[in-house]
């Protein structure tokens, strides 16, 4: 769920205080801004509707997948 992800990201950002962590903090804030955008919410809603209708993916795994794409996480 996007709201839960935002809460967790905000909590994590509060812990990033060292100078070498500021680049990560900036990237996380950028992702948070994307998650909050109306365009992202509309796209997520559309993708979720199509994927769940087909039974191919759950809401939470879709949100995680989109987040990893934005952050550049390695694919398994």
N, C-alpha and C. Protein backbone atom coordinates (compact mmCIF):
# COMPACT_ATOMS: atom_id res chain seq x y z
N UNK A 1 0.85 -1.18 0.00
CA UNK A 1 0.00 0.00 0.00
C UNK A 1 0.89 1.24 0.00
N UNK A 2 0.58 2.16 -0.86
CA UNK A 2 1.41 3.35 -1.06
C UNK A 2 1.50 4.21 0.19
N UNK A 3 0.40 4.36 0.91
CA UNK A 3 0.43 5.18 2.13
C UNK A 3 1.38 4.61 3.17
N UNK A 4 1.36 3.31 3.33
CA UNK A 4 2.27 2.66 4.28
C UNK A 4 3.72 2.83 3.84
N UNK A 5 3.97 2.70 2.56
CA UNK A 5 5.32 2.90 2.04
C UNK A 5 5.81 4.32 2.32
N UNK A 6 4.94 5.28 2.15
CA UNK A 6 5.31 6.68 2.42
C UNK A 6 5.65 6.90 3.89
N UNK A 7 4.88 6.30 4.78
CA UNK A 7 5.15 6.42 6.22
C UNK A 7 6.51 5.80 6.55
N UNK A 8 6.76 4.62 6.02
CA UNK A 8 8.03 3.95 6.29
C UNK A 8 9.22 4.71 5.71
N UNK A 9 9.06 5.26 4.51
CA UNK A 9 10.13 6.04 3.91
C UNK A 9 10.41 7.31 4.71
N UNK A 10 9.35 7.94 5.20
CA UNK A 10 9.52 9.15 6.01
C UNK A 10 10.26 8.83 7.31
N UNK A 11 9.89 7.75 7.95
CA UNK A 11 10.57 7.34 9.17
C UNK A 11 12.05 7.05 8.91
N UNK A 12 12.32 6.38 7.81
CA UNK A 12 13.71 6.07 7.45
C UNK A 12 14.50 7.35 7.16
N UNK A 13 13.88 8.28 6.47
CA UNK A 13 14.55 9.55 6.14
C UNK A 13 14.96 10.31 7.40
N UNK A 14 14.15 10.25 8.42
CA UNK A 14 14.46 10.94 9.67
C UNK A 14 15.73 10.40 10.32
N UNK A 15 16.07 9.15 10.02
CA UNK A 15 17.26 8.53 10.60
C UNK A 15 18.53 8.85 9.81
N UNK A 16 18.38 9.39 8.61
CA UNK A 16 19.53 9.68 7.76
C UNK A 16 20.06 11.08 8.09
N UNK A 17 21.13 11.14 8.86
CA UNK A 17 21.66 12.43 9.30
C UNK A 17 23.11 12.65 8.90
N UNK A 18 23.83 11.58 8.62
CA UNK A 18 25.25 11.71 8.28
C UNK A 18 25.40 12.35 6.90
N UNK A 19 26.48 13.11 6.70
CA UNK A 19 26.68 13.75 5.39
C UNK A 19 26.68 12.76 4.22
N UNK A 20 27.25 11.59 4.43
CA UNK A 20 27.31 10.60 3.34
C UNK A 20 25.95 9.97 3.05
N UNK A 21 24.97 10.19 3.89
CA UNK A 21 23.63 9.66 3.69
C UNK A 21 22.68 10.64 3.00
N UNK A 22 23.15 11.83 2.77
CA UNK A 22 22.27 12.87 2.23
C UNK A 22 21.84 12.61 0.78
N UNK A 23 22.71 11.97 0.01
CA UNK A 23 22.33 11.64 -1.37
C UNK A 23 21.19 10.61 -1.36
N UNK A 24 21.29 9.62 -0.48
CA UNK A 24 20.22 8.63 -0.35
C UNK A 24 18.94 9.29 0.13
N UNK A 25 19.05 10.19 1.09
CA UNK A 25 17.88 10.89 1.61
C UNK A 25 17.20 11.70 0.51
N UNK A 26 17.99 12.34 -0.33
CA UNK A 26 17.45 13.11 -1.45
C UNK A 26 16.71 12.20 -2.43
N UNK A 27 17.29 11.04 -2.71
CA UNK A 27 16.65 10.09 -3.63
C UNK A 27 15.34 9.56 -3.06
N UNK A 28 15.34 9.28 -1.77
CA UNK A 28 14.12 8.78 -1.12
C UNK A 28 13.03 9.85 -1.15
N UNK A 29 13.40 11.08 -0.88
CA UNK A 29 12.41 12.18 -0.92
C UNK A 29 11.83 12.34 -2.33
N UNK A 30 12.68 12.11 -3.34
CA UNK A 30 12.21 12.18 -4.73
C UNK A 30 11.16 11.09 -4.99
N UNK A 31 11.45 9.89 -4.52
CA UNK A 31 10.50 8.78 -4.68
C UNK A 31 9.20 9.08 -3.94
N UNK A 32 9.32 9.66 -2.74
CA UNK A 32 8.13 10.01 -1.98
C UNK A 32 7.28 11.02 -2.75
N UNK A 33 7.91 11.97 -3.38
CA UNK A 33 7.19 12.95 -4.19
C UNK A 33 6.47 12.29 -5.36
N UNK A 34 7.13 11.32 -5.95
CA UNK A 34 6.51 10.59 -7.06
C UNK A 34 5.30 9.81 -6.56
N UNK A 35 5.47 9.11 -5.43
CA UNK A 35 4.35 8.34 -4.87
C UNK A 35 3.15 9.22 -4.56
N UNK A 36 3.39 10.45 -4.16
CA UNK A 36 2.31 11.37 -3.79
C UNK A 36 1.66 12.02 -5.01
N UNK A 37 2.29 11.94 -6.17
CA UNK A 37 1.77 12.64 -7.34
C UNK A 37 0.47 11.99 -7.84
N UNK A 38 -0.40 12.82 -8.36
CA UNK A 38 -1.67 12.31 -8.88
C UNK A 38 -1.45 11.44 -10.12
N UNK A 39 -0.43 11.73 -10.90
CA UNK A 39 -0.14 10.91 -12.08
C UNK A 39 0.26 9.49 -11.65
N UNK A 40 1.15 9.37 -10.66
CA UNK A 40 1.56 8.06 -10.17
C UNK A 40 0.36 7.29 -9.63
N UNK A 41 -0.46 7.95 -8.84
CA UNK A 41 -1.63 7.29 -8.26
C UNK A 41 -2.58 6.80 -9.36
N UNK A 42 -2.76 7.60 -10.39
CA UNK A 42 -3.64 7.20 -11.50
C UNK A 42 -3.05 6.01 -12.25
N UNK A 43 -1.75 6.05 -12.52
CA UNK A 43 -1.10 4.94 -13.23
C UNK A 43 -1.13 3.67 -12.39
N UNK A 44 -0.85 3.80 -11.11
CA UNK A 44 -0.87 2.65 -10.22
C UNK A 44 -2.26 2.04 -10.15
N UNK A 45 -3.27 2.89 -10.07
CA UNK A 45 -4.64 2.40 -10.04
C UNK A 45 -5.01 1.66 -11.31
N UNK A 46 -4.60 2.20 -12.44
CA UNK A 46 -4.90 1.55 -13.72
C UNK A 46 -4.18 0.21 -13.85
N UNK A 47 -2.89 0.20 -13.50
CA UNK A 47 -2.12 -1.04 -13.58
C UNK A 47 -2.64 -2.08 -12.61
N UNK A 48 -2.98 -1.64 -11.41
CA UNK A 48 -3.48 -2.56 -10.40
C UNK A 48 -4.80 -3.18 -10.84
N UNK A 49 -5.67 -2.36 -11.39
CA UNK A 49 -6.96 -2.86 -11.85
C UNK A 49 -6.77 -3.93 -12.92
N UNK A 50 -5.91 -3.65 -13.90
CA UNK A 50 -5.67 -4.61 -14.98
C UNK A 50 -5.00 -5.87 -14.47
N UNK A 51 -4.00 -5.71 -13.61
CA UNK A 51 -3.24 -6.87 -13.13
C UNK A 51 -4.08 -7.76 -12.21
N UNK A 52 -4.86 -7.16 -11.34
CA UNK A 52 -5.68 -7.97 -10.43
C UNK A 52 -6.83 -8.63 -11.18
N UNK A 53 -7.33 -7.96 -12.20
CA UNK A 53 -8.39 -8.56 -13.02
C UNK A 53 -7.88 -9.83 -13.70
N UNK A 54 -6.63 -9.79 -14.12
CA UNK A 54 -6.01 -10.95 -14.77
C UNK A 54 -5.46 -11.94 -13.75
N UNK A 55 -5.39 -11.53 -12.47
CA UNK A 55 -4.87 -12.41 -11.43
C UNK A 55 -3.36 -12.58 -11.49
N UNK A 56 -2.66 -11.59 -12.07
CA UNK A 56 -1.22 -11.75 -12.26
C UNK A 56 -0.37 -11.12 -11.17
N UNK A 57 -0.93 -10.20 -10.39
CA UNK A 57 -0.10 -9.51 -9.41
C UNK A 57 -0.98 -8.89 -8.33
N UNK A 58 -0.44 -8.77 -7.14
CA UNK A 58 -1.19 -8.14 -6.05
C UNK A 58 -0.84 -6.66 -5.98
N UNK A 59 -1.66 -5.89 -5.28
CA UNK A 59 -1.43 -4.45 -5.10
C UNK A 59 -0.08 -4.19 -4.46
N UNK A 60 0.25 -4.91 -3.37
CA UNK A 60 1.49 -4.64 -2.65
C UNK A 60 2.71 -4.98 -3.48
N UNK A 61 2.67 -6.07 -4.23
CA UNK A 61 3.84 -6.42 -5.03
C UNK A 61 3.99 -5.48 -6.22
N UNK A 62 2.89 -4.94 -6.73
CA UNK A 62 2.97 -3.96 -7.80
C UNK A 62 3.62 -2.68 -7.30
N UNK A 63 3.21 -2.20 -6.12
CA UNK A 63 3.80 -1.00 -5.54
C UNK A 63 5.29 -1.20 -5.32
N UNK A 64 5.68 -2.34 -4.80
CA UNK A 64 7.09 -2.63 -4.56
C UNK A 64 7.86 -2.68 -5.87
N UNK A 65 7.27 -3.25 -6.90
CA UNK A 65 7.92 -3.33 -8.20
C UNK A 65 8.14 -1.95 -8.81
N UNK A 66 7.14 -1.09 -8.71
CA UNK A 66 7.27 0.27 -9.23
C UNK A 66 8.34 1.03 -8.44
N UNK A 67 8.36 0.87 -7.13
CA UNK A 67 9.36 1.54 -6.30
C UNK A 67 10.76 1.09 -6.68
N UNK A 68 10.94 -0.18 -6.90
CA UNK A 68 12.26 -0.69 -7.29
C UNK A 68 12.67 -0.17 -8.66
N UNK A 69 11.74 -0.03 -9.56
CA UNK A 69 12.06 0.55 -10.86
C UNK A 69 12.54 1.99 -10.71
N UNK A 70 11.86 2.75 -9.86
CA UNK A 70 12.23 4.15 -9.66
C UNK A 70 13.58 4.28 -8.97
N UNK A 71 13.82 3.42 -7.97
CA UNK A 71 15.06 3.49 -7.21
C UNK A 71 16.22 2.78 -7.89
N UNK A 72 15.93 1.98 -8.91
CA UNK A 72 16.98 1.25 -9.57
C UNK A 72 17.45 0.04 -8.79
N UNK A 73 16.54 -0.61 -8.07
CA UNK A 73 16.89 -1.81 -7.30
C UNK A 73 17.26 -2.93 -8.26
N UNK A 74 18.18 -3.81 -7.83
CA UNK A 74 18.52 -4.96 -8.68
C UNK A 74 17.33 -5.89 -8.79
N UNK A 75 17.18 -6.49 -9.94
CA UNK A 75 16.09 -7.45 -10.17
C UNK A 75 16.57 -8.84 -9.77
N UNK A 76 15.66 -9.63 -9.17
CA UNK A 76 15.99 -11.01 -8.81
C UNK A 76 15.80 -11.92 -9.99
